[in-house]
Full PDB file with SEQRES, HELIX, SHEET, SSBOND, CRYST1, ORIGX, SCALE, CONECT and MASTER records, all heavy atoms in Angstrom:
SEQRES   1 A   41  ILE ASP SER GLY ARG TYR TYR THR GLY SER TRP TYR ASP          
SEQRES   2 A   41  LEU PRO ILE TYR ALA ALA ILE THR VAL LEU VAL TRP ILE          
SEQRES   3 A   41  ALA ALA PRO ALA ALA ARG LEU GLU PRO GLN ARG ALA SER          
SEQRES   4 A   41  GLU ARG                                                      
HELIX    1 AA1 LEU A   14  ALA A   27  1                                  14    
HELIX    2 AA2 ALA A   28  ARG A   32  5                                   5    
CRYST1    1.000    1.000    1.000  90.00  90.00  90.00 P 1           1          
ORIGX1      1.000000  0.000000  0.000000        0.00000                         
ORIGX2      0.000000  1.000000  0.000000        0.00000                         
ORIGX3      0.000000  0.000000  1.000000        0.00000                         
SCALE1      1.000000  0.000000  0.000000        0.00000                         
SCALE2      0.000000  1.000000  0.000000        0.00000                         
SCALE3      0.000000  0.000000  1.000000        0.00000                         
ATOM      1  N   ILE A   1      -5.098 -14.353 -21.320  1.00  0.00           N  
ATOM      2  CA  ILE A   1      -6.185 -13.716 -20.571  1.00  0.00           C  
ATOM      3  C   ILE A   1      -6.724 -14.658 -19.508  1.00  0.00           C  
ATOM      4  O   ILE A   1      -6.942 -14.269 -18.350  1.00  0.00           O  
ATOM      5  CB  ILE A   1      -7.303 -13.279 -21.533  1.00  0.00           C  
ATOM      6  CG1 ILE A   1      -6.821 -12.121 -22.413  1.00  0.00           C  
ATOM      7  CG2 ILE A   1      -8.553 -12.857 -20.757  1.00  0.00           C  
ATOM      8  CD1 ILE A   1      -7.815 -11.716 -23.477  1.00  0.00           C  
ATOM      9  N   ASP A   2      -6.941 -15.926 -19.867  1.00  0.00           N  
ATOM     10  CA  ASP A   2      -7.477 -16.892 -18.907  1.00  0.00           C  
ATOM     11  C   ASP A   2      -6.509 -17.158 -17.755  1.00  0.00           C  
ATOM     12  O   ASP A   2      -6.937 -17.432 -16.634  1.00  0.00           O  
ATOM     13  CB  ASP A   2      -7.808 -18.199 -19.626  1.00  0.00           C  
ATOM     14  CG  ASP A   2      -8.945 -18.036 -20.624  1.00  0.00           C  
ATOM     15  OD1 ASP A   2      -9.748 -17.098 -20.446  1.00  0.00           O  
ATOM     16  OD2 ASP A   2      -9.028 -18.834 -21.571  1.00  0.00           O  
ATOM     17  N   SER A   3      -5.202 -17.058 -18.034  1.00  0.00           N  
ATOM     18  CA  SER A   3      -4.210 -17.316 -16.988  1.00  0.00           C  
ATOM     19  C   SER A   3      -3.828 -16.057 -16.217  1.00  0.00           C  
ATOM     20  O   SER A   3      -3.020 -16.127 -15.284  1.00  0.00           O  
ATOM     21  CB  SER A   3      -2.955 -17.944 -17.606  1.00  0.00           C  
ATOM     22  OG  SER A   3      -2.367 -17.058 -18.553  1.00  0.00           O  
ATOM     23  N   GLY A   4      -4.358 -14.901 -16.627  1.00  0.00           N  
ATOM     24  CA  GLY A   4      -4.066 -13.661 -15.925  1.00  0.00           C  
ATOM     25  C   GLY A   4      -2.757 -13.009 -16.304  1.00  0.00           C  
ATOM     26  O   GLY A   4      -2.306 -12.072 -15.630  1.00  0.00           O  
ATOM     27  N   ARG A   5      -2.108 -13.435 -17.385  1.00  0.00           N  
ATOM     28  CA  ARG A   5      -0.819 -12.875 -17.797  1.00  0.00           C  
ATOM     29  C   ARG A   5      -0.956 -11.758 -18.828  1.00  0.00           C  
ATOM     30  O   ARG A   5       0.022 -11.099 -19.161  1.00  0.00           O  
ATOM     31  CB  ARG A   5       0.075 -13.980 -18.368  1.00  0.00           C  
ATOM     32  CG  ARG A   5       0.516 -15.006 -17.328  1.00  0.00           C  
ATOM     33  CD  ARG A   5       1.388 -16.099 -17.921  1.00  0.00           C  
ATOM     34  NE  ARG A   5       0.601 -17.019 -18.733  1.00  0.00           N  
ATOM     35  CZ  ARG A   5       0.649 -17.102 -20.049  1.00  0.00           C  
ATOM     36  NH1 ARG A   5       1.444 -16.293 -20.732  1.00  0.00           N  
ATOM     37  NH2 ARG A   5      -0.076 -17.982 -20.701  1.00  0.00           N  
ATOM     38  N   TYR A   6      -2.145 -11.530 -19.325  1.00  0.00           N  
ATOM     39  CA  TYR A   6      -2.331 -10.547 -20.389  1.00  0.00           C  
ATOM     40  C   TYR A   6      -2.601  -9.162 -19.808  1.00  0.00           C  
ATOM     41  O   TYR A   6      -3.278  -9.026 -18.790  1.00  0.00           O  
ATOM     42  CB  TYR A   6      -3.499 -10.961 -21.284  1.00  0.00           C  
ATOM     43  CG  TYR A   6      -3.885  -9.916 -22.305  1.00  0.00           C  
ATOM     44  CD1 TYR A   6      -3.226  -9.837 -23.525  1.00  0.00           C  
ATOM     45  CD2 TYR A   6      -4.897  -8.990 -22.035  1.00  0.00           C  
ATOM     46  CE1 TYR A   6      -3.574  -8.863 -24.448  1.00  0.00           C  
ATOM     47  CE2 TYR A   6      -5.250  -8.020 -22.957  1.00  0.00           C  
ATOM     48  CZ  TYR A   6      -4.582  -7.963 -24.159  1.00  0.00           C  
ATOM     49  OH  TYR A   6      -4.919  -7.001 -25.073  1.00  0.00           O  
ATOM     50  N   TYR A   7      -2.082  -8.150 -20.458  1.00  0.00           N  
ATOM     51  CA  TYR A   7      -2.470  -6.763 -20.194  1.00  0.00           C  
ATOM     52  C   TYR A   7      -2.368  -5.995 -21.509  1.00  0.00           C  
ATOM     53  O   TYR A   7      -1.559  -6.320 -22.388  1.00  0.00           O  
ATOM     54  CB  TYR A   7      -1.595  -6.123 -19.110  1.00  0.00           C  
ATOM     55  CG  TYR A   7      -0.116  -6.061 -19.419  1.00  0.00           C  
ATOM     56  CD1 TYR A   7       0.442  -4.959 -20.080  1.00  0.00           C  
ATOM     57  CD2 TYR A   7       0.731  -7.101 -19.063  1.00  0.00           C  
ATOM     58  CE1 TYR A   7       1.793  -4.897 -20.356  1.00  0.00           C  
ATOM     59  CE2 TYR A   7       2.087  -7.053 -19.341  1.00  0.00           C  
ATOM     60  CZ  TYR A   7       2.607  -5.952 -19.992  1.00  0.00           C  
ATOM     61  OH  TYR A   7       3.951  -5.897 -20.276  1.00  0.00           O  
ATOM     62  N   THR A   8      -3.199  -4.983 -21.656  1.00  0.00           N  
ATOM     63  CA  THR A   8      -3.269  -4.227 -22.893  1.00  0.00           C  
ATOM     64  C   THR A   8      -1.950  -3.506 -23.164  1.00  0.00           C  
ATOM     65  O   THR A   8      -1.379  -2.889 -22.270  1.00  0.00           O  
ATOM     66  CB  THR A   8      -4.410  -3.207 -22.827  1.00  0.00           C  
ATOM     67  OG1 THR A   8      -5.633  -3.893 -22.580  1.00  0.00           O  
ATOM     68  CG2 THR A   8      -4.525  -2.443 -24.132  1.00  0.00           C  
ATOM     69  N   GLY A   9      -1.489  -3.591 -24.409  1.00  0.00           N  
ATOM     70  CA  GLY A   9      -0.226  -2.981 -24.797  1.00  0.00           C  
ATOM     71  C   GLY A   9       0.957  -3.911 -24.672  1.00  0.00           C  
ATOM     72  O   GLY A   9       2.092  -3.508 -24.984  1.00  0.00           O  
ATOM     73  N   SER A  10       0.728  -5.145 -24.244  1.00  0.00           N  
ATOM     74  CA  SER A  10       1.818  -6.108 -24.093  1.00  0.00           C  
ATOM     75  C   SER A  10       2.180  -6.710 -25.445  1.00  0.00           C  
ATOM     76  O   SER A  10       1.582  -6.413 -26.477  1.00  0.00           O  
ATOM     77  CB  SER A  10       1.407  -7.205 -23.107  1.00  0.00           C  
ATOM     78  OG  SER A  10       0.298  -7.930 -23.611  1.00  0.00           O  
ATOM     79  N   TRP A  11       3.164  -7.611 -25.416  1.00  0.00           N  
ATOM     80  CA  TRP A  11       3.613  -8.264 -26.646  1.00  0.00           C  
ATOM     81  C   TRP A  11       2.524  -9.129 -27.263  1.00  0.00           C  
ATOM     82  O   TRP A  11       2.577  -9.422 -28.467  1.00  0.00           O  
ATOM     83  CB  TRP A  11       4.859  -9.112 -26.362  1.00  0.00           C  
ATOM     84  CG  TRP A  11       6.085  -8.304 -26.075  1.00  0.00           C  
ATOM     85  CD1 TRP A  11       6.631  -8.052 -24.854  1.00  0.00           C  
ATOM     86  CD2 TRP A  11       6.895  -7.629 -27.034  1.00  0.00           C  
ATOM     87  NE1 TRP A  11       7.745  -7.256 -24.986  1.00  0.00           N  
ATOM     88  CE2 TRP A  11       7.937  -6.991 -26.320  1.00  0.00           C  
ATOM     89  CE3 TRP A  11       6.862  -7.493 -28.414  1.00  0.00           C  
ATOM     90  CZ2 TRP A  11       8.924  -6.237 -26.951  1.00  0.00           C  
ATOM     91  CZ3 TRP A  11       7.849  -6.739 -29.042  1.00  0.00           C  
ATOM     92  CH2 TRP A  11       8.853  -6.125 -28.321  1.00  0.00           C  
ATOM     93  N   TYR A  12       1.531  -9.520 -26.474  1.00  0.00           N  
ATOM     94  CA  TYR A  12       0.446 -10.330 -27.026  1.00  0.00           C  
ATOM     95  C   TYR A  12      -0.364  -9.561 -28.075  1.00  0.00           C  
ATOM     96  O   TYR A  12      -0.977 -10.184 -28.955  1.00  0.00           O  
ATOM     97  CB  TYR A  12      -0.486 -10.791 -25.901  1.00  0.00           C  
ATOM     98  CG  TYR A  12       0.163 -11.716 -24.903  1.00  0.00           C  
ATOM     99  CD1 TYR A  12       0.503 -11.267 -23.625  1.00  0.00           C  
ATOM    100  CD2 TYR A  12       0.433 -13.046 -25.225  1.00  0.00           C  
ATOM    101  CE1 TYR A  12       1.097 -12.111 -22.700  1.00  0.00           C  
ATOM    102  CE2 TYR A  12       1.030 -13.893 -24.309  1.00  0.00           C  
ATOM    103  CZ  TYR A  12       1.363 -13.420 -23.052  1.00  0.00           C  
ATOM    104  OH  TYR A  12       1.953 -14.268 -22.142  1.00  0.00           O  
ATOM    105  N   ASP A  13      -0.381  -8.245 -27.983  1.00  0.00           N  
ATOM    106  CA  ASP A  13      -1.182  -7.446 -28.909  1.00  0.00           C  
ATOM    107  C   ASP A  13      -0.493  -7.209 -30.248  1.00  0.00           C  
ATOM    108  O   ASP A  13      -1.165  -6.947 -31.249  1.00  0.00           O  
ATOM    109  CB  ASP A  13      -1.525  -6.088 -28.284  1.00  0.00           C  
ATOM    110  CG  ASP A  13      -2.557  -6.204 -27.183  1.00  0.00           C  
ATOM    111  OD1 ASP A  13      -3.334  -7.177 -27.210  1.00  0.00           O  
ATOM    112  OD2 ASP A  13      -2.584  -5.329 -26.294  1.00  0.00           O  
ATOM    113  N   LEU A  14       0.819  -7.258 -30.278  1.00  0.00           N  
ATOM    114  CA  LEU A  14       1.542  -6.862 -31.490  1.00  0.00           C  
ATOM    115  C   LEU A  14       1.218  -7.737 -32.706  1.00  0.00           C  
ATOM    116  O   LEU A  14       1.031  -7.200 -33.809  1.00  0.00           O  
ATOM    117  CB  LEU A  14       3.044  -6.850 -31.214  1.00  0.00           C  
ATOM    118  CG  LEU A  14       3.514  -5.822 -30.181  1.00  0.00           C  
ATOM    119  CD1 LEU A  14       5.027  -5.844 -30.045  1.00  0.00           C  
ATOM    120  CD2 LEU A  14       3.040  -4.425 -30.551  1.00  0.00           C  
ATOM    121  N   PRO A  15       1.159  -9.069 -32.575  1.00  0.00           N  
ATOM    122  CA  PRO A  15       0.767  -9.853 -33.767  1.00  0.00           C  
ATOM    123  C   PRO A  15      -0.643  -9.535 -34.251  1.00  0.00           C  
ATOM    124  O   PRO A  15      -0.908  -9.574 -35.461  1.00  0.00           O  
ATOM    125  CB  PRO A  15       0.878 -11.302 -33.285  1.00  0.00           C  
ATOM    126  CG  PRO A  15       1.803 -11.260 -32.122  1.00  0.00           C  
ATOM    127  CD  PRO A  15       1.542  -9.953 -31.463  1.00  0.00           C  
ATOM    128  N   ILE A  16      -1.550  -9.213 -33.328  1.00  0.00           N  
ATOM    129  CA  ILE A  16      -2.911  -8.825 -33.736  1.00  0.00           C  
ATOM    130  C   ILE A  16      -2.871  -7.510 -34.487  1.00  0.00           C  
ATOM    131  O   ILE A  16      -3.526  -7.354 -35.536  1.00  0.00           O  
ATOM    132  CB  ILE A  16      -3.829  -8.742 -32.506  1.00  0.00           C  
ATOM    133  CG1 ILE A  16      -3.928 -10.110 -31.819  1.00  0.00           C  
ATOM    134  CG2 ILE A  16      -5.208  -8.241 -32.903  1.00  0.00           C  
ATOM    135  CD1 ILE A  16      -4.773 -10.112 -30.569  1.00  0.00           C  
ATOM    136  N   TYR A  17      -2.090  -6.536 -33.986  1.00  0.00           N  
ATOM    137  CA  TYR A  17      -1.932  -5.270 -34.702  1.00  0.00           C  
ATOM    138  C   TYR A  17      -1.322  -5.509 -36.084  1.00  0.00           C  
ATOM    139  O   TYR A  17      -1.714  -4.854 -37.062  1.00  0.00           O  
ATOM    140  CB  TYR A  17      -1.041  -4.317 -33.908  1.00  0.00           C  
ATOM    141  CG  TYR A  17      -1.591  -3.885 -32.575  1.00  0.00           C  
ATOM    142  CD1 TYR A  17      -0.779  -3.276 -31.629  1.00  0.00           C  
ATOM    143  CD2 TYR A  17      -2.925  -4.083 -32.244  1.00  0.00           C  
ATOM    144  CE1 TYR A  17      -1.267  -2.867 -30.390  1.00  0.00           C  
ATOM    145  CE2 TYR A  17      -3.421  -3.684 -31.016  1.00  0.00           C  
ATOM    146  CZ  TYR A  17      -2.589  -3.082 -30.092  1.00  0.00           C  
ATOM    147  OH  TYR A  17      -3.081  -2.699 -28.881  1.00  0.00           O  
ATOM    148  N   ALA A  18      -0.369  -6.434 -36.164  1.00  0.00           N  
ATOM    149  CA  ALA A  18       0.268  -6.731 -37.448  1.00  0.00           C  
ATOM    150  C   ALA A  18      -0.738  -7.323 -38.435  1.00  0.00           C  
ATOM    151  O   ALA A  18      -0.735  -6.976 -39.627  1.00  0.00           O  
ATOM    152  CB  ALA A  18       1.441  -7.693 -37.242  1.00  0.00           C  
ATOM    153  N   ALA A  19      -1.622  -8.201 -37.953  1.00  0.00           N  
ATOM    154  CA  ALA A  19      -2.636  -8.789 -38.836  1.00  0.00           C  
ATOM    155  C   ALA A  19      -3.589  -7.718 -39.359  1.00  0.00           C  
ATOM    156  O   ALA A  19      -3.953  -7.716 -40.546  1.00  0.00           O  
ATOM    157  CB  ALA A  19      -3.407  -9.869 -38.086  1.00  0.00           C  
ATOM    158  N   ILE A  20      -3.995  -6.783 -38.494  1.00  0.00           N  
ATOM    159  CA  ILE A  20      -4.877  -5.696 -38.929  1.00  0.00           C  
ATOM    160  C   ILE A  20      -4.165  -4.808 -39.950  1.00  0.00           C  
ATOM    161  O   ILE A  20      -4.759  -4.375 -40.949  1.00  0.00           O  
ATOM    162  CB  ILE A  20      -5.349  -4.871 -37.722  1.00  0.00           C  
ATOM    163  CG1 ILE A  20      -6.091  -5.755 -36.716  1.00  0.00           C  
ATOM    164  CG2 ILE A  20      -6.238  -3.727 -38.162  1.00  0.00           C  
ATOM    165  CD1 ILE A  20      -6.447  -5.054 -35.419  1.00  0.00           C  
ATOM    166  N   THR A  21      -2.875  -4.552 -39.720  1.00  0.00           N  
ATOM    167  CA  THR A  21      -2.101  -3.738 -40.663  1.00  0.00           C  
ATOM    168  C   THR A  21      -2.026  -4.402 -42.028  1.00  0.00           C  
ATOM    169  O   THR A  21      -2.134  -3.724 -43.065  1.00  0.00           O  
ATOM    170  CB  THR A  21      -0.690  -3.504 -40.105  1.00  0.00           C  
ATOM    171  OG1 THR A  21      -0.772  -2.873 -38.829  1.00  0.00           O  
ATOM    172  CG2 THR A  21       0.129  -2.644 -41.043  1.00  0.00           C  
ATOM    173  N   VAL A  22      -1.863  -5.711 -42.049  1.00  0.00           N  
ATOM    174  CA  VAL A  22      -1.834  -6.440 -43.326  1.00  0.00           C  
ATOM    175  C   VAL A  22      -3.163  -6.287 -44.054  1.00  0.00           C  
ATOM    176  O   VAL A  22      -3.203  -6.119 -45.283  1.00  0.00           O  
ATOM    177  CB  VAL A  22      -1.492  -7.921 -43.092  1.00  0.00           C  
ATOM    178  CG1 VAL A  22      -1.652  -8.727 -44.384  1.00  0.00           C  
ATOM    179  CG2 VAL A  22      -0.071  -8.061 -42.569  1.00  0.00           C  
ATOM    180  N   LEU A  23      -4.271  -6.355 -43.315  1.00  0.00           N  
ATOM    181  CA  LEU A  23      -5.591  -6.196 -43.942  1.00  0.00           C  
ATOM    182  C   LEU A  23      -5.706  -4.834 -44.625  1.00  0.00           C  
ATOM    183  O   LEU A  23      -6.206  -4.738 -45.757  1.00  0.00           O  
ATOM    184  CB  LEU A  23      -6.692  -6.366 -42.896  1.00  0.00           C  
ATOM    185  CG  LEU A  23      -6.866  -7.764 -42.294  1.00  0.00           C  
ATOM    186  CD1 LEU A  23      -8.008  -7.764 -41.284  1.00  0.00           C  
ATOM    187  CD2 LEU A  23      -7.126  -8.797 -43.374  1.00  0.00           C  
ATOM    188  N   VAL A  24      -5.267  -3.776 -43.943  1.00  0.00           N  
ATOM    189  CA  VAL A  24      -5.318  -2.446 -44.558  1.00  0.00           C  
ATOM    190  C   VAL A  24      -4.367  -2.368 -45.743  1.00  0.00           C  
ATOM    191  O   VAL A  24      -4.689  -1.806 -46.797  1.00  0.00           O  
ATOM    192  CB  VAL A  24      -4.979  -1.366 -43.515  1.00  0.00           C  
ATOM    193  CG1 VAL A  24      -4.938   0.015 -44.158  1.00  0.00           C  
ATOM    194  CG2 VAL A  24      -5.990  -1.391 -42.377  1.00  0.00           C  
ATOM    195  N   TRP A  25      -3.193  -2.954 -45.616  1.00  0.00           N  
ATOM    196  CA  TRP A  25      -2.168  -2.886 -46.661  1.00  0.00           C  
ATOM    197  C   TRP A  25      -2.651  -3.547 -47.961  1.00  0.00           C  
ATOM    198  O   TRP A  25      -2.369  -3.051 -49.050  1.00  0.00           O  
ATOM    199  CB  TRP A  25      -0.894  -3.552 -46.164  1.00  0.00           C  
ATOM    200  CG  TRP A  25       0.263  -3.404 -47.107  1.00  0.00           C  
ATOM    201  CD1 TRP A  25       0.664  -4.280 -48.072  1.00  0.00           C  
ATOM    202  CD2 TRP A  25       1.165  -2.297 -47.166  1.00  0.00           C  
ATOM    203  NE1 TRP A  25       1.759  -3.789 -48.728  1.00  0.00           N  
ATOM    204  CE2 TRP A  25       2.089  -2.571 -48.199  1.00  0.00           C  
ATOM    205  CE3 TRP A  25       1.279  -1.102 -46.451  1.00  0.00           C  
ATOM    206  CZ2 TRP A  25       3.117  -1.696 -48.531  1.00  0.00           C  
ATOM    207  CZ3 TRP A  25       2.307  -0.235 -46.796  1.00  0.00           C  
ATOM    208  CH2 TRP A  25       3.211  -0.539 -47.810  1.00  0.00           C  
ATOM    209  N   ILE A  26      -3.374  -4.653 -47.842  1.00  0.00           N  
ATOM    210  CA  ILE A  26      -3.827  -5.342 -49.054  1.00  0.00           C  
ATOM    211  C   ILE A  26      -5.172  -4.826 -49.545  1.00  0.00           C  
ATOM    212  O   ILE A  26      -5.502  -4.967 -50.727  1.00  0.00           O  
ATOM    213  CB  ILE A  26      -3.917  -6.867 -48.823  1.00  0.00           C  
ATOM    214  CG1 ILE A  26      -4.989  -7.202 -47.788  1.00  0.00           C  
ATOM    215  CG2 ILE A  26      -2.566  -7.418 -48.407  1.00  0.00           C  
ATOM    216  CD1 ILE A  26      -5.175  -8.684 -47.548  1.00  0.00           C  
ATOM    217  N   ALA A  27      -5.982  -4.227 -48.650  1.00  0.00           N  
ATOM    218  CA  ALA A  27      -7.315  -3.782 -49.055  1.00  0.00           C  
ATOM    219  C   ALA A  27      -7.287  -2.406 -49.706  1.00  0.00           C  
ATOM    220  O   ALA A  27      -8.132  -2.104 -50.557  1.00  0.00           O  
ATOM    221  CB  ALA A  27      -8.257  -3.760 -47.854  1.00  0.00           C  
ATOM    222  N   ALA A  28      -6.340  -1.555 -49.330  1.00  0.00           N  
ATOM    223  CA  ALA A  28      -6.311  -0.195 -49.862  1.00  0.00           C  
ATOM    224  C   ALA A  28      -6.207  -0.161 -51.384  1.00  0.00           C  
ATOM    225  O   ALA A  28      -6.942   0.588 -52.037  1.00  0.00           O  
ATOM    226  CB  ALA A  28      -5.165   0.590 -49.214  1.00  0.00           C  
ATOM    227  N   PRO A  29      -5.339  -0.963 -52.017  1.00  0.00           N  
ATOM    228  CA  PRO A  29      -5.286  -0.932 -53.487  1.00  0.00           C  
ATOM    229  C   PRO A  29      -6.221  -1.934 -54.162  1.00  0.00           C  
ATOM    230  O   PRO A  29      -6.134  -2.122 -55.375  1.00  0.00           O  
ATOM    231  CB  PRO A  29      -3.824  -1.295 -53.779  1.00  0.00           C  
ATOM    232  CG  PRO A  29      -3.458  -2.225 -52.677  1.00  0.00           C  
ATOM    233  CD  PRO A  29      -4.220  -1.763 -51.465  1.00  0.00           C  
ATOM    234  N   ALA A  30      -7.087  -2.596 -53.409  1.00  0.00           N  
ATOM    235  CA  ALA A  30      -7.918  -3.667 -53.971  1.00  0.00           C  
ATOM    236  C   ALA A  30      -9.288  -3.187 -54.419  1.00  0.00           C  
ATOM    237  O   ALA A  30     -10.139  -4.011 -54.770  1.00  0.00           O  
ATOM    238  CB  ALA A  30      -8.094  -4.791 -52.935  1.00  0.00           C  
ATOM    239  N   ALA A  31      -9.524  -1.892 -54.428  1.00  0.00           N  
ATOM    240  CA  ALA A  31     -10.844  -1.386 -54.844  1.00  0.00           C  
ATOM    241  C   ALA A  31     -11.120  -1.648 -56.320  1.00  0.00           C  
ATOM    242  O   ALA A  31     -12.277  -1.639 -56.748  1.00  0.00           O  
ATOM    243  CB  ALA A  31     -10.934   0.109 -54.555  1.00  0.00           C  
ATOM    244  N   ARG A  32     -10.063  -1.900 -57.106  1.00  0.00           N  
ATOM    245  CA  ARG A  32     -10.240  -2.120 -58.546  1.00  0.00           C  
ATOM    246  C   ARG A  32     -10.503  -3.578 -58.888  1.00  0.00           C  
ATOM    247  O   ARG A  32     -10.601  -3.918 -60.070  1.00  0.00           O  
ATOM    248  CB  ARG A  32      -8.999  -1.635 -59.299  1.00  0.00           C  
ATOM    249  CG  ARG A  32      -8.735  -0.142 -59.132  1.00  0.00           C  
ATOM    250  CD  ARG A  32      -7.526   0.292 -59.947  1.00  0.00           C  
ATOM    251  NE  ARG A  32      -6.307  -0.371 -59.498  1.00  0.00           N  
ATOM    252  CZ  ARG A  32      -5.513   0.095 -58.538  1.00  0.00           C  
ATOM    253  NH1 ARG A  32      -5.838   1.227 -57.910  1.00  0.00           N  
ATOM    254  NH2 ARG A  32      -4.426  -0.535 -58.188  1.00  0.00           N  
ATOM    255  N   LEU A  33     -10.595  -4.440 -57.899  1.00  0.00           N  
ATOM    256  CA  LEU A  33     -10.839  -5.857 -58.185  1.00  0.00           C  
ATOM    257  C   LEU A  33     -12.223  -6.050 -58.793  1.00  0.00           C  
ATOM    258  O   LEU A  33     -13.213  -5.494 -58.312  1.00  0.00           O  
ATOM    259  CB  LEU A  33     -10.722  -6.688 -56.899  1.00  0.00           C  
ATOM    260  CG  LEU A  33      -9.307  -6.866 -56.329  1.00  0.00           C  
ATOM    261  CD1 LEU A  33      -9.360  -7.619 -55.015  1.00  0.00           C  
ATOM    262  CD2 LEU A  33      -8.410  -7.602 -57.321  1.00  0.00           C  
ATOM    263  N   GLU A  34     -12.287  -6.844 -59.833  1.00  0.00           N  
ATOM    264  CA  GLU A  34     -13.539  -7.151 -60.513  1.00  0.00           C  
ATOM    265  C   GLU A  34     -13.610  -8.650 -60.747  1.00  0.00           C  
ATOM    266  O   GLU A  34     -12.581  -9.335 -60.728  1.00  0.00           O  
ATOM    267  CB  GLU A  34     -13.630  -6.401 -61.852  1.00  0.00           C  
ATOM    268  CG  GLU A  34     -13.652  -4.885 -61.714  1.00  0.00           C  
ATOM    269  CD  GLU A  34     -13.725  -4.197 -63.056  1.00  0.00           C  
ATOM    270  OE1 GLU A  34     -13.661  -4.914 -64.090  1.00  0.00           O  
ATOM    271  OE2 GLU A  34     -13.842  -2.962 -63.075  1.00  0.00           O  
ATOM    272  N   PRO A  35     -14.819  -9.189 -60.968  1.00  0.00           N  
ATOM    273  CA  PRO A  35     -14.932 -10.627 -61.268  1.00  0.00           C  
ATOM    274  C   PRO A  35     -14.101 -11.004 -62.491  1.00  0.00           C  
ATOM    275  O   PRO A  35     -13.928 -10.212 -63.423  1.00  0.00           O  
ATOM    276  CB  PRO A  35     -16.432 -10.820 -61.530  1.00  0.00           C  
ATOM    277  CG  PRO A  35     -17.081  -9.699 -60.792  1.00  0.00           C  
ATOM    278  CD  PRO A  35     -16.130  -8.538 -60.872  1.00  0.00           C  
ATOM    279  N   GLN A  36     -13.556 -12.204 -62.463  1.00  0.00           N  
ATOM    280  CA  GLN A  36     -12.741 -12.671 -63.572  1.00  0.00           C  
ATOM    281  C   GLN A  36     -13.584 -12.796 -64.839  1.00  0.00           C  
ATOM    282  O   GLN A  36     -14.768 -13.109 -64.779  1.00  0.00           O  
ATOM    283  CB  GLN A  36     -12.117 -14.033 -63.222  1.00  0.00           C  
ATOM    284  CG  GLN A  36     -11.255 -13.994 -61.979  1.00  0.00           C  
ATOM    285  CD  GLN A  36     -10.860 -15.378 -61.500  1.00  0.00           C  
ATOM    286  OE1 GLN A  36     -11.210 -16.369 -62.117  1.00  0.00           O  
ATOM    287  NE2 GLN A  36     -10.145 -15.442 -60.396  1.00  0.00           N  
ATOM    288  N   ARG A  37     -12.958 -12.534 -65.967  1.00  0.00           N  
ATOM    289  CA  ARG A  37     -13.655 -12.664 -67.229  1.00  0.00           C  
ATOM    290  C   ARG A  37     -13.931 -14.130 -67.534  1.00  0.00           C  
ATOM    291  O   ARG A  37     -13.138 -15.005 -67.227  1.00  0.00           O  
ATOM    292  CB  ARG A  37     -12.833 -12.048 -68.359  1.00  0.00           C  
ATOM    293  CG  ARG A  37     -12.667 -10.528 -68.233  1.00  0.00           C  
ATOM    294  CD  ARG A  37     -11.918  -9.976 -69.410  1.00  0.00           C  
ATOM    295  NE  ARG A  37     -11.793  -8.516 -69.321  1.00  0.00           N  
ATOM    296  CZ  ARG A  37     -11.177  -7.779 -70.237  1.00  0.00           C  
ATOM    297  NH1 ARG A  37     -10.642  -8.355 -71.308  1.00  0.00           N  
ATOM    298  NH2 ARG A  37     -11.113  -6.463 -70.079  1.00  0.00           N  
ATOM    299  N   ALA A  38     -15.054 -14.370 -68.174  1.00  0.00           N  
ATOM    300  CA  ALA A  38     -15.438 -15.743 -68.485  1.00  0.00           C  
ATOM    301  C   ALA A  38     -16.198 -15.755 -69.801  1.00  0.00           C  
ATOM    302  O   ALA A  38     -16.715 -14.738 -70.268  1.00  0.00           O  
ATOM    303  CB  ALA A  38     -16.305 -16.341 -67.376  1.00  0.00           C  
ATOM    304  N   SER A  39     -16.251 -16.929 -70.388  1.00  0.00           N  
ATOM    305  CA  SER A  39     -16.977 -17.093 -71.633  1.00  0.00           C  
ATOM    306  C   SER A  39     -18.476 -17.129 -71.357  1.00  0.00           C  
ATOM    307  O   SER A  39     -18.929 -17.254 -70.221  1.00  0.00           O  
ATOM    308  CB  SER A  39     -16.546 -18.392 -72.325  1.00  0.00           C  
ATOM    309  OG  SER A  39     -16.851 -19.500 -71.502  1.00  0.00           O  
ATOM    310  N   GLU A  40     -19.250 -17.020 -72.432  1.00  0.00           N  
ATOM    311  CA  GLU A  40     -20.707 -17.060 -72.301  1.00  0.00           C  
ATOM    312  C   GLU A  40     -21.162 -18.404 -71.752  1.00  0.00           C  
ATOM    313  O   GLU A  40     -22.139 -18.490 -70.995  1.00  0.00           O  
ATOM    314  CB  GLU A  40     -21.343 -16.803 -73.664  1.00  0.00           C  
ATOM    315  CG  GLU A  40     -22.852 -16.666 -73.623  1.00  0.00           C  
ATOM    316  CD  GLU A  40     -23.303 -15.437 -72.869  1.00  0.00           C  
ATOM    317  OE1 GLU A  40     -22.509 -14.471 -72.770  1.00  0.00           O  
ATOM    318  OE2 GLU A  40     -24.438 -15.422 -72.359  1.00  0.00           O  
ATOM    319  N   ARG A  41     -20.443 -19.448 -72.077  1.00  0.00           N  
ATOM    320  CA  ARG A  41     -20.799 -20.777 -71.578  1.00  0.00           C  
ATOM    321  C   ARG A  41     -20.643 -20.856 -70.070  1.00  0.00           C  
ATOM    322  O   ARG A  41     -21.467 -21.439 -69.370  1.00  0.00           O  
ATOM    323  CB  ARG A  41     -19.927 -21.829 -72.254  1.00  0.00           C  
ATOM    324  CG  ARG A  41     -20.212 -23.253 -71.807  1.00  0.00           C  
ATOM    325  CD  ARG A  41     -19.324 -24.225 -72.537  1.00  0.00           C  
ATOM    326  NE  ARG A  41     -19.573 -25.595 -72.098  1.00  0.00           N  
ATOM    327  CZ  ARG A  41     -18.902 -26.662 -72.547  1.00  0.00           C  
ATOM    328  NH1 ARG A  41     -17.947 -26.495 -73.468  1.00  0.00           N  
ATOM    329  NH2 ARG A  41     -19.193 -27.863 -72.094  1.00  0.00           N  
TER     330      ARG A  41                                                      
MASTER        0    0    0    2    0    0    0    6  329    1    0    4          
END                                                                             
């Protein structure tokens, strides 16, 4: 962006889209996560 080579929809966006996709992929089945069990101590 600072050098003027960026434009929306270019290859620069694909890794960002991939990171967002990973977030959805791991968060969708994670609603059942609960704190780990621990002793009273």
